[in-house]
PDB file of N, CA and C in Angstrom:
ATOM      1  N   MET A   1       2.877  19.679 -75.001  1.00  0.00           N
ATOM      2  CA  MET A   1       3.431  18.367 -74.717  1.00  0.00           C
ATOM      3  C   MET A   1       2.333  17.490 -74.112  1.00  0.00           C
ATOM      4  N   THR A   2       2.095  16.357 -74.726  1.00  0.00           N
ATOM      5  CA  THR A   2       1.082  15.442 -74.197  1.00  0.00           C
ATOM      6  C   THR A   2       1.736  14.452 -73.252  1.00  0.00           C
ATOM      7  N   VAL A   3       1.009  14.154 -72.195  1.00  0.00           N
ATOM      8  CA  VAL A   3       1.499  13.216 -71.193  1.00  0.00           C
ATOM      9  C   VAL A   3       0.782  11.895 -71.397  1.00  0.00           C
ATOM     10  N   SER A   4       1.545  10.825 -71.460  1.00  0.00           N
ATOM     11  CA  SER A   4       0.958   9.498 -71.593  1.00  0.00           C
ATOM     12  C   SER A   4       0.253   9.132 -70.289  1.00  0.00           C
ATOM     13  N   LYS A   5      -0.950   8.600 -70.387  1.00  0.00           N
ATOM     14  CA  LYS A   5      -1.725   8.244 -69.201  1.00  0.00           C
ATOM     15  C   LYS A   5      -2.149   6.789 -69.288  1.00  0.00           C
ATOM     16  N   THR A   6      -2.294   6.173 -68.116  1.00  0.00           N
ATOM     17  CA  THR A   6      -2.714   4.780 -68.026  1.00  0.00           C
ATOM     18  C   THR A   6      -3.865   4.676 -67.041  1.00  0.00           C
ATOM     19  N   LEU A   7      -4.881   3.942 -67.415  1.00  0.00           N
ATOM     20  CA  LEU A   7      -6.015   3.706 -66.531  1.00  0.00           C
ATOM     21  C   LEU A   7      -5.645   2.628 -65.527  1.00  0.00           C
ATOM     22  N   ILE A   8      -5.912   2.885 -64.239  1.00  0.00           N
ATOM     23  CA  ILE A   8      -5.682   1.867 -63.216  1.00  0.00           C
ATOM     24  C   ILE A   8      -6.979   1.636 -62.446  1.00  0.00           C
ATOM     25  N   ASN A   9      -7.127   0.443 -61.952  1.00  0.00           N
ATOM     26  CA  ASN A   9      -8.276   0.076 -61.125  1.00  0.00           C
ATOM     27  C   ASN A   9      -7.765  -0.526 -59.834  1.00  0.00           C
ATOM     28  N   PHE A  10      -8.430  -0.224 -58.735  1.00  0.00           N
ATOM     29  CA  PHE A  10      -8.071  -0.838 -57.466  1.00  0.00           C
ATOM     30  C   PHE A  10      -9.287  -0.824 -56.555  1.00  0.00           C
ATOM     31  N   HIS A  11      -9.246  -1.686 -55.571  1.00  0.00           N
ATOM     32  CA  HIS A  11     -10.352  -1.812 -54.628  1.00  0.00           C
ATOM     33  C   HIS A  11     -10.189  -0.829 -53.479  1.00  0.00           C
ATOM     34  N   VAL A  12     -11.308  -0.210 -53.107  1.00  0.00           N
ATOM     35  CA  VAL A  12     -11.338   0.757 -52.013  1.00  0.00           C
ATOM     36  C   VAL A  12     -12.570   0.447 -51.166  1.00  0.00           C
ATOM     37  N   PRO A  13     -12.447   0.506 -49.843  1.00  0.00           N
ATOM     38  CA  PRO A  13     -13.638   0.326 -49.011  1.00  0.00           C
ATOM     39  C   PRO A  13     -14.707   1.366 -49.389  1.00  0.00           C
ATOM     40  N   SER A  14     -15.950   0.927 -49.455  1.00  0.00           N
ATOM     41  CA  SER A  14     -17.049   1.789 -49.915  1.00  0.00           C
ATOM     42  C   SER A  14     -17.180   3.069 -49.102  1.00  0.00           C
ATOM     43  N   ASP A  15     -17.067   2.958 -47.777  1.00  0.00           N
ATOM     44  CA  ASP A  15     -17.217   4.155 -46.948  1.00  0.00           C
ATOM     45  C   ASP A  15     -16.081   5.152 -47.185  1.00  0.00           C
ATOM     46  N   LEU A  16     -14.886   4.654 -47.416  1.00  0.00           N
ATOM     47  CA  LEU A  16     -13.752   5.532 -47.707  1.00  0.00           C
ATOM     48  C   LEU A  16     -13.965   6.258 -49.027  1.00  0.00           C
ATOM     49  N   LEU A  17     -14.431   5.533 -50.038  1.00  0.00           N
ATOM     50  CA  LEU A  17     -14.675   6.140 -51.343  1.00  0.00           C
ATOM     51  C   LEU A  17     -15.772   7.197 -51.258  1.00  0.00           C
ATOM     52  N   ALA A  18     -16.830   6.915 -50.508  1.00  0.00           N
ATOM     53  CA  ALA A  18     -17.921   7.888 -50.372  1.00  0.00           C
ATOM     54  C   ALA A  18     -17.414   9.178 -49.726  1.00  0.00           C
ATOM     55  N   THR A  19     -16.625   9.043 -48.675  1.00  0.00           N
ATOM     56  CA  THR A  19     -16.067  10.225 -48.006  1.00  0.00           C
ATOM     57  C   THR A  19     -15.107  10.961 -48.932  1.00  0.00           C
ATOM     58  N   PHE A  20     -14.275  10.212 -49.640  1.00  0.00           N
ATOM     59  CA  PHE A  20     -13.323  10.812 -50.577  1.00  0.00           C
ATOM     60  C   PHE A  20     -14.065  11.600 -51.651  1.00  0.00           C
ATOM     61  N   ASP A  21     -15.119  11.005 -52.228  1.00  0.00           N
ATOM     62  CA  ASP A  21     -15.895  11.689 -53.267  1.00  0.00           C
ATOM     63  C   ASP A  21     -16.530  12.976 -52.738  1.00  0.00           C
ATOM     64  N   ARG A  22     -17.071  12.937 -51.514  1.00  0.00           N
ATOM     65  CA  ARG A  22     -17.662  14.144 -50.920  1.00  0.00           C
ATOM     66  C   ARG A  22     -16.606  15.244 -50.764  1.00  0.00           C
ATOM     67  N   LEU A  23     -15.427  14.849 -50.280  1.00  0.00           N
ATOM     68  CA  LEU A  23     -14.357  15.833 -50.100  1.00  0.00           C
ATOM     69  C   LEU A  23     -13.872  16.392 -51.438  1.00  0.00           C
ATOM     70  N   CYS A  24     -13.822  15.551 -52.453  1.00  0.00           N
ATOM     71  CA  CYS A  24     -13.432  16.032 -53.786  1.00  0.00           C
ATOM     72  C   CYS A  24     -14.436  17.066 -54.286  1.00  0.00           C
ATOM     73  N   ARG A  25     -15.741  16.783 -54.115  1.00  0.00           N
ATOM     74  CA  ARG A  25     -16.770  17.734 -54.545  1.00  0.00           C
ATOM     75  C   ARG A  25     -16.652  19.050 -53.768  1.00  0.00           C
ATOM     76  N   LEU A  26     -16.472  18.948 -52.438  1.00  0.00           N
ATOM     77  CA  LEU A  26     -16.344  20.157 -51.618  1.00  0.00           C
ATOM     78  C   LEU A  26     -15.119  20.975 -52.009  1.00  0.00           C
ATOM     79  N   ASN A  27     -14.061  20.275 -52.413  1.00  0.00           N
ATOM     80  CA  ASN A  27     -12.811  20.931 -52.802  1.00  0.00           C
ATOM     81  C   ASN A  27     -12.861  21.439 -54.243  1.00  0.00           C
ATOM     82  N   GLY A  28     -13.855  20.982 -54.997  1.00  0.00           N
ATOM     83  CA  GLY A  28     -14.004  21.416 -56.383  1.00  0.00           C
ATOM     84  C   GLY A  28     -12.970  20.838 -57.324  1.00  0.00           C
ATOM     85  N   LYS A  29     -12.440  19.672 -56.977  1.00  0.00           N
ATOM     86  CA  LYS A  29     -11.431  19.036 -57.828  1.00  0.00           C
ATOM     87  C   LYS A  29     -11.881  17.624 -58.179  1.00  0.00           C
ATOM     88  N   PRO A  30     -11.566  17.182 -59.396  1.00  0.00           N
ATOM     89  CA  PRO A  30     -11.923  15.815 -59.773  1.00  0.00           C
ATOM     90  C   PRO A  30     -11.101  14.781 -58.999  1.00  0.00           C
ATOM     91  N   ARG A  31     -11.693  13.627 -58.845  1.00  0.00           N
ATOM     92  CA  ARG A  31     -11.054  12.512 -58.124  1.00  0.00           C
ATOM     93  C   ARG A  31      -9.672  12.209 -58.702  1.00  0.00           C
ATOM     94  N   SER A  32      -9.551  12.167 -60.019  1.00  0.00           N
ATOM     95  CA  SER A  32      -8.263  11.836 -60.658  1.00  0.00           C
ATOM     96  C   SER A  32      -7.175  12.838 -60.287  1.00  0.00           C
ATOM     97  N   GLN A  33      -7.530  14.115 -60.233  1.00  0.00           N
ATOM     98  CA  GLN A  33      -6.532  15.129 -59.896  1.00  0.00           C
ATOM     99  C   GLN A  33      -6.024  14.936 -58.469  1.00  0.00           C
ATOM    100  N   ILE A  34      -6.931  14.673 -57.537  1.00  0.00           N
ATOM    101  CA  ILE A  34      -6.536  14.460 -56.141  1.00  0.00           C
ATOM    102  C   ILE A  34      -5.660  13.216 -56.029  1.00  0.00           C
ATOM    103  N   LEU A  35      -6.065  12.125 -56.669  1.00  0.00           N
ATOM    104  CA  LEU A  35      -5.282  10.884 -56.600  1.00  0.00           C
ATOM    105  C   LEU A  35      -3.906  11.066 -57.231  1.00  0.00           C
ATOM    106  N   ASN A  36      -3.841  11.789 -58.352  1.00  0.00           N
ATOM    107  CA  ASN A  36      -2.538  12.057 -58.976  1.00  0.00           C
ATOM    108  C   ASN A  36      -1.646  12.875 -58.051  1.00  0.00           C
ATOM    109  N   ASP A  37      -2.227  13.899 -57.395  1.00  0.00           N
ATOM    110  CA  ASP A  37      -1.447  14.711 -56.454  1.00  0.00           C
ATOM    111  C   ASP A  37      -0.941  13.863 -55.288  1.00  0.00           C
ATOM    112  N   LEU A  38      -1.806  13.002 -54.756  1.00  0.00           N
ATOM    113  CA  LEU A  38      -1.406  12.133 -53.644  1.00  0.00           C
ATOM    114  C   LEU A  38      -0.306  11.161 -54.062  1.00  0.00           C
ATOM    115  N   LEU A  39      -0.457  10.558 -55.243  1.00  0.00           N
ATOM    116  CA  LEU A  39       0.569   9.628 -55.739  1.00  0.00           C
ATOM    117  C   LEU A  39       1.906  10.343 -55.942  1.00  0.00           C
ATOM    118  N   ARG A  40       1.846  11.535 -56.529  1.00  0.00           N
ATOM    119  CA  ARG A  40       3.078  12.297 -56.774  1.00  0.00           C
ATOM    120  C   ARG A  40       3.771  12.638 -55.450  1.00  0.00           C
ATOM    121  N   SER A  41       2.999  13.080 -54.463  1.00  0.00           N
ATOM    122  CA  SER A  41       3.573  13.402 -53.150  1.00  0.00           C
ATOM    123  C   SER A  41       4.200  12.172 -52.511  1.00  0.00           C
ATOM    124  N   TRP A  42       3.508  11.039 -52.592  1.00  0.00           N
ATOM    125  CA  TRP A  42       4.023   9.803 -51.992  1.00  0.00           C
ATOM    126  C   TRP A  42       5.317   9.379 -52.686  1.00  0.00           C
ATOM    127  N   VAL A  43       5.334   9.450 -54.009  1.00  0.00           N
ATOM    128  CA  VAL A  43       6.530   9.059 -54.763  1.00  0.00           C
ATOM    129  C   VAL A  43       7.711   9.954 -54.394  1.00  0.00           C
ATOM    130  N   LEU A  44       7.485  11.256 -54.299  1.00  0.00           N
ATOM    131  CA  LEU A  44       8.578  12.172 -53.949  1.00  0.00           C
ATOM    132  C   LEU A  44       9.089  11.918 -52.536  1.00  0.00           C
ATOM    133  N   GLU A  45       8.185  11.763 -51.577  1.00  0.00           N
ATOM    134  CA  GLU A  45       8.594  11.541 -50.187  1.00  0.00           C
ATOM    135  C   GLU A  45       9.301  10.196 -50.026  1.00  0.00           C
ATOM    136  N   THR A  46       8.744   9.156 -50.623  1.00  0.00           N
ATOM    137  CA  THR A  46       9.365   7.832 -50.528  1.00  0.00           C
ATOM    138  C   THR A  46      10.717   7.825 -51.236  1.00  0.00           C
ATOM    139  N   GLY A  47      10.815   8.519 -52.351  1.00  0.00           N
ATOM    140  CA  GLY A  47      12.094   8.629 -53.052  1.00  0.00           C
ATOM    141  C   GLY A  47      13.151   9.302 -52.191  1.00  0.00           C
ATOM    142  N   ARG A  48      12.760  10.370 -51.488  1.00  0.00           N
ATOM    143  CA  ARG A  48      13.697  11.043 -50.577  1.00  0.00           C
ATOM    144  C   ARG A  48      14.151  10.106 -49.466  1.00  0.00           C
ATOM    145  N   GLN A  49      13.202   9.369 -48.896  1.00  0.00           N
ATOM    146  CA  GLN A  49      13.542   8.428 -47.826  1.00  0.00           C
ATOM    147  C   GLN A  49      14.501   7.352 -48.328  1.00  0.00           C
ATOM    148  N   MET A  50      14.257   6.838 -49.529  1.00  0.00           N
ATOM    149  CA  MET A  50      15.133   5.807 -50.087  1.00  0.00           C
ATOM    150  C   MET A  50      16.531   6.355 -50.331  1.00  0.00           C
ATOM    151  N   LEU A  51      16.624   7.575 -50.838  1.00  0.00           N
ATOM    152  CA  LEU A  51      17.945   8.175 -51.061  1.00  0.00           C
ATOM    153  C   LEU A  51      18.692   8.352 -49.746  1.00  0.00           C
ATOM    154  N   THR A  52      17.970   8.724 -48.691  1.00  0.00           N
ATOM    155  CA  THR A  52      18.597   8.857 -47.374  1.00  0.00           C
ATOM    156  C   THR A  52      19.104   7.512 -46.892  1.00  0.00           C
ATOM    157  N   ARG A  53      18.289   6.469 -47.051  1.00  0.00           N
ATOM    158  CA  ARG A  53      18.715   5.120 -46.641  1.00  0.00           C
ATOM    159  C   ARG A  53      19.934   4.664 -47.427  1.00  0.00           C
ATOM    160  N   ILE A  54      19.899   4.888 -48.726  1.00  0.00           N
ATOM    161  CA  ILE A  54      21.027   4.490 -49.574  1.00  0.00           C
ATOM    162  C   ILE A  54      22.293   5.215 -49.121  1.00  0.00           C
ATOM    163  N   ASP A  55      22.170   6.506 -48.813  1.00  0.00           N
ATOM    164  CA  ASP A  55      23.320   7.283 -48.346  1.00  0.00           C
ATOM    165  C   ASP A  55      23.842   6.735 -47.019  1.00  0.00           C
ATOM    166  N   GLU A  56      22.928   6.362 -46.097  1.00  0.00           N
ATOM    167  CA  GLU A  56      23.353   5.803 -44.811  1.00  0.00           C
ATOM    168  C   GLU A  56      24.088   4.476 -45.000  1.00  0.00           C
ATOM    169  N   VAL A  57      23.569   3.624 -45.869  1.00  0.00           N
ATOM    170  CA  VAL A  57      24.215   2.333 -46.127  1.00  0.00           C
ATOM    171  C   VAL A  57      25.574   2.551 -46.781  1.00  0.00           C
ATOM    172  N   ARG A  58      25.652   3.514 -47.687  1.00  0.00           N
ATOM    173  CA  ARG A  58      26.927   3.826 -48.345  1.00  0.00           C
ATOM    174  C   ARG A  58      27.967   4.274 -47.310  1.00  0.00           C
ATOM    175  N   LYS A  59      27.546   5.095 -46.334  1.00  0.00           N
ATOM    176  CA  LYS A  59      28.466   5.542 -45.287  1.00  0.00           C
ATOM    177  C   LYS A  59      28.930   4.367 -44.425  1.00  0.00           C
ATOM    178  N   ILE A  60      28.014   3.471 -44.099  1.00  0.00           N
ATOM    179  CA  ILE A  60      28.386   2.282 -43.319  1.00  0.00           C
ATOM    180  C   ILE A  60      29.395   1.454 -44.100  1.00  0.00           C
ATOM    181  N   ASP A  61      29.136   1.255 -45.391  1.00  0.00           N
ATOM    182  CA  ASP A  61      30.074   0.506 -46.232  1.00  0.00           C
ATOM    183  C   ASP A  61      31.454   1.161 -46.249  1.00  0.00           C
ATOM    184  N   GLN A  62      31.483   2.482 -46.343  1.00  0.00           N
ATOM    185  CA  GLN A  62      32.767   3.188 -46.352  1.00  0.00           C
ATOM    186  C   GLN A  62      33.507   3.002 -45.029  1.00  0.00           C
ATOM    187  N   HIS A  63      32.770   3.064 -43.910  1.00  0.00           N
ATOM    188  CA  HIS A  63      33.402   2.868 -42.603  1.00  0.00           C
ATOM    189  C   HIS A  63      33.951   1.445 -42.471  1.00  0.00           C
ATOM    190  N   LEU A  64      33.181   0.465 -42.936  1.00  0.00           N
ATOM    191  CA  LEU A  64      33.653  -0.920 -42.870  1.00  0.00           C
ATOM    192  C   LEU A  64      34.881  -1.126 -43.752  1.00  0.00           C
ATOM    193  N   LYS A  65      34.845  -0.562 -44.946  1.00  0.00           N
ATOM    194  CA  LYS A  65      35.991  -0.693 -45.849  1.00  0.00           C
ATOM    195  C   LYS A  65      37.225  -0.047 -45.229  1.00  0.00           C
ATOM    196  N   SER A  66      37.039   1.125 -44.648  1.00  0.00           N
ATOM    197  CA  SER A  66      38.151   1.823 -44.002  1.00  0.00           C
ATOM    198  C   SER A  66      38.700   1.006 -42.837  1.00  0.00           C
ATOM    199  N   ALA A  67      37.800   0.419 -42.038  1.00  0.00           N
ATOM    200  CA  ALA A  67      38.238  -0.394 -40.901  1.00  0.00           C
ATOM    201  C   ALA A  67      39.010  -1.617 -41.380  1.00  0.00           C
ATOM    202  N   CYS A  68      38.551  -2.242 -42.459  1.00  0.00           N
ATOM    203  CA  CYS A  68      39.252  -3.422 -42.989  1.00  0.00           C
ATOM    204  C   CYS A  68      40.631  -3.045 -43.521  1.00  0.00           C
ATOM    205  N   GLU A  69      40.717  -1.890 -44.158  1.00  0.00           N
ATOM    206  CA  GLU A  69      42.010  -1.439 -44.677  1.00  0.00           C
ATOM    207  C   GLU A  69      42.997  -1.137 -43.553  1.00  0.00           C
ATOM    208  N   LYS A  70      42.474  -0.782 -42.384  1.00  0.00           N
ATOM    209  CA  LYS A  70      43.330  -0.489 -41.234  1.00  0.00           C
ATOM    210  C   LYS A  70      43.642  -1.734 -40.418  1.00  0.00           C
ATOM    211  N   GLY A  71      43.202  -2.891 -40.900  1.00  0.00           N
ATOM    212  CA  GLY A  71      43.540  -4.135 -40.223  1.00  0.00           C
ATOM    213  C   GLY A  71      42.485  -4.658 -39.274  1.00  0.00           C
ATOM    214  N   PHE A  72      41.266  -4.189 -39.369  1.00  0.00           N
ATOM    215  CA  PHE A  72      40.185  -4.693 -38.524  1.00  0.00           C
ATOM    216  C   PHE A  72      39.963  -6.156 -38.846  1.00  0.00           C
ATOM    217  N   ASP A  73      39.985  -7.012 -37.813  1.00  0.00           N
ATOM    218  CA  ASP A  73      39.884  -8.454 -38.053  1.00  0.00           C
ATOM    219  C   ASP A  73      38.454  -8.979 -38.005  1.00  0.00           C
ATOM    220  N   GLY A  74      37.491  -8.115 -37.841  1.00  0.00           N
ATOM    221  CA  GLY A  74      36.099  -8.551 -37.842  1.00  0.00           C
ATOM    222  C   GLY A  74      35.543  -8.863 -36.473  1.00  0.00           C
ATOM    223  N   ARG A  75      36.405  -8.936 -35.477  1.00  0.00           N
ATOM    224  CA  ARG A  75      35.914  -9.228 -34.128  1.00  0.00           C
ATOM    225  C   ARG A  75      35.533  -7.931 -33.440  1.00  0.00           C
ATOM    226  N   LEU A  76      34.356  -7.923 -32.861  1.00  0.00           N
ATOM    227  CA  LEU A  76      33.910  -6.756 -32.118  1.00  0.00           C
ATOM    228  C   LEU A  76      34.296  -6.922 -30.663  1.00  0.00           C
ATOM    229  N   PRO A  77      34.577  -5.839 -29.970  1.00  0.00           N
ATOM    230  CA  PRO A  77      34.909  -5.963 -28.551  1.00  0.00           C
ATOM    231  C   PRO A  77      33.711  -6.482 -27.779  1.00  0.00           C
ATOM    232  N   ASP A  78      33.983  -7.138 -26.672  1.00  0.00           N
ATOM    233  CA  ASP A  78      32.916  -7.673 -25.841  1.00  0.00           C
ATOM    234  C   ASP A  78      32.199  -6.505 -25.189  1.00  0.00           C
ATOM    235  N   MET A  79      30.981  -6.276 -25.613  1.00  0.00           N
ATOM    236  CA  MET A  79      30.229  -5.135 -25.114  1.00  0.00           C
ATOM    237  C   MET A  79      29.286  -5.512 -23.974  1.00  0.00           C
ATOM    238  N   LEU A  80      29.256  -6.783 -23.583  1.00  0.00           N
ATOM    239  CA  LEU A  80      28.368  -7.200 -22.508  1.00  0.00           C
ATOM    240  C   LEU A  80      28.906  -6.715 -21.177  1.00  0.00           C
ATOM    241  N   PRO A  81      28.026  -6.290 -20.281  1.00  0.00           N
ATOM    242  CA  PRO A  81      28.507  -5.847 -18.974  1.00  0.00           C
ATOM    243  C   PRO A  81      29.106  -7.013 -18.204  1.00  0.00           C
ATOM    244  N   GLN A  82      30.196  -6.749 -17.541  1.00  0.00           N
ATOM    245  CA  GLN A  82      30.873  -7.778 -16.767  1.00  0.00           C
ATOM    246  C   GLN A  82      30.459  -7.664 -15.308  1.00  0.00           C
ATOM    247  N   ALA A  83      30.410  -8.809 -14.633  1.00  0.00           N
ATOM    248  CA  ALA A  83      30.068  -8.823 -13.214  1.00  0.00           C
ATOM    249  C   ALA A  83      31.202  -8.204 -12.413  1.00  0.00           C
ATOM    250  N   GLY A  84      30.853  -7.586 -11.298  1.00  0.00           N
ATOM    251  CA  GLY A  84      31.854  -6.974 -10.441  1.00  0.00           C
ATOM    252  C   GLY A  84      32.719  -7.996  -9.732  1.00  0.00           C
ATOM    253  N   ASN A  85      32.193  -9.200  -9.575  1.00  0.00           N
ATOM    254  CA  ASN A  85      32.985 -10.263  -8.949  1.00  0.00           C
ATOM    255  C   ASN A  85      33.153 -11.405  -9.938  1.00  0.00           C
ATOM    256  N   ALA A  86      33.992 -12.332  -9.612  1.00  0.00           N
ATOM    257  CA  ALA A  86      34.279 -13.437 -10.529  1.00  0.00           C
ATOM    258  C   ALA A  86      33.190 -14.499 -10.503  1.00  0.00           C
ATOM    259  N   VAL A  87      32.318 -14.477  -9.506  1.00  0.00           N
ATOM    260  CA  VAL A  87      31.296 -15.513  -9.363  1.00  0.00           C
ATOM    261  C   VAL A  87      30.001 -15.021  -9.994  1.00  0.00           C
ATOM    262  N   GLN A  88      29.485 -15.798 -10.901  1.00  0.00           N
ATOM    263  CA  GLN A  88      28.209 -15.485 -11.536  1.00  0.00           C
ATOM    264  C   GLN A  88      27.126 -16.354 -10.917  1.00  0.00           C
ATOM    265  N   THR A  89      25.962 -15.796 -10.716  1.00  0.00           N
ATOM    266  CA  THR A  89      24.842 -16.604 -10.225  1.00  0.00           C
ATOM    267  C   THR A  89      24.164 -17.246 -11.415  1.00  0.00           C
ATOM    268  N   PRO A  90      23.632 -18.450 -11.234  1.00  0.00           N
ATOM    269  CA  PRO A  90      22.964 -19.105 -12.353  1.00  0.00           C
ATOM    270  C   PRO A  90      21.742 -18.301 -12.796  1.00  0.00           C
ATOM    271  N   ALA A  91      21.490 -18.327 -14.092  1.00  0.00           N
ATOM    272  CA  ALA A  91      20.360 -17.580 -14.631  1.00  0.00           C
ATOM    273  C   ALA A  91      19.038 -18.203 -14.200  1.00  0.00           C
ATOM    274  N   ARG A  92      19.006 -19.513 -14.094  1.00  0.00           N
ATOM    275  CA  ARG A  92      17.774 -20.195 -13.705  1.00  0.00           C
ATOM    276  C   ARG A  92      18.053 -21.051 -12.481  1.00  0.00           C
ATOM    277  N   ARG A  93      17.322 -20.799 -11.455  1.00  0.00           N
ATOM    278  CA  ARG A  93      17.458 -21.625 -10.260  1.00  0.00           C
ATOM    279  C   ARG A  93      16.357 -22.674 -10.256  1.00  0.00           C
ATOM    280  N   ARG A  94      16.690 -23.807  -9.725  1.00  0.00           N
ATOM    281  CA  ARG A  94      15.666 -24.838  -9.551  1.00  0.00           C
ATOM    282  C   ARG A  94      14.860 -24.507  -8.306  1.00  0.00           C
ATOM    283  N   PHE A  95      13.627 -24.979  -8.283  1.00  0.00           N
ATOM    284  CA  PHE A  95      12.771 -24.727  -7.126  1.00  0.00           C
ATOM    285  C   PHE A  95      13.405 -25.271  -5.854  1.00  0.00           C
ATOM    286  N   SER A  96      14.087 -26.392  -5.950  1.00  0.00           N
ATOM    287  CA  SER A  96      14.696 -27.001  -4.765  1.00  0.00           C
ATOM    288  C   SER A  96      15.872 -26.187  -4.226  1.00  0.00           C
ATOM    289  N   ASP A  97      16.393 -25.214  -5.002  1.00  0.00           N
ATOM    290  CA  ASP A  97      17.506 -24.386  -4.543  1.00  0.00           C
ATOM    291  C   ASP A  97      17.070 -23.319  -3.545  1.00  0.00           C
ATOM    292  N   PHE A  98      15.777 -23.053  -3.443  1.00  0.00           N
ATOM    293  CA  PHE A  98      15.302 -21.982  -2.558  1.00  0.00           C
ATOM    294  C   PHE A  98      15.166 -22.423  -1.147  1.00  0.00           C
TER     295      PHE A  98
END
């Protein structure tokens, strides 16, 4: 089975390429093989992460749909901490107040 291949070009900092080439020679593998392995690993890992995100969003959607079906009106409870007394101090005092 033949695999279709495409030539790609991209810019790489010279020092990075020199180090990469040295490591490829030391490893005894051609540059293309290493780059293909790296691309394949990145695609698999990123694909897994995307599937996890999609699953999380799907669960959130299901929870929201369930809440709406149970009569949730869209208002969230007031989660801000309340003062222990009824008097609130102003957030910004003027210099003359001191």
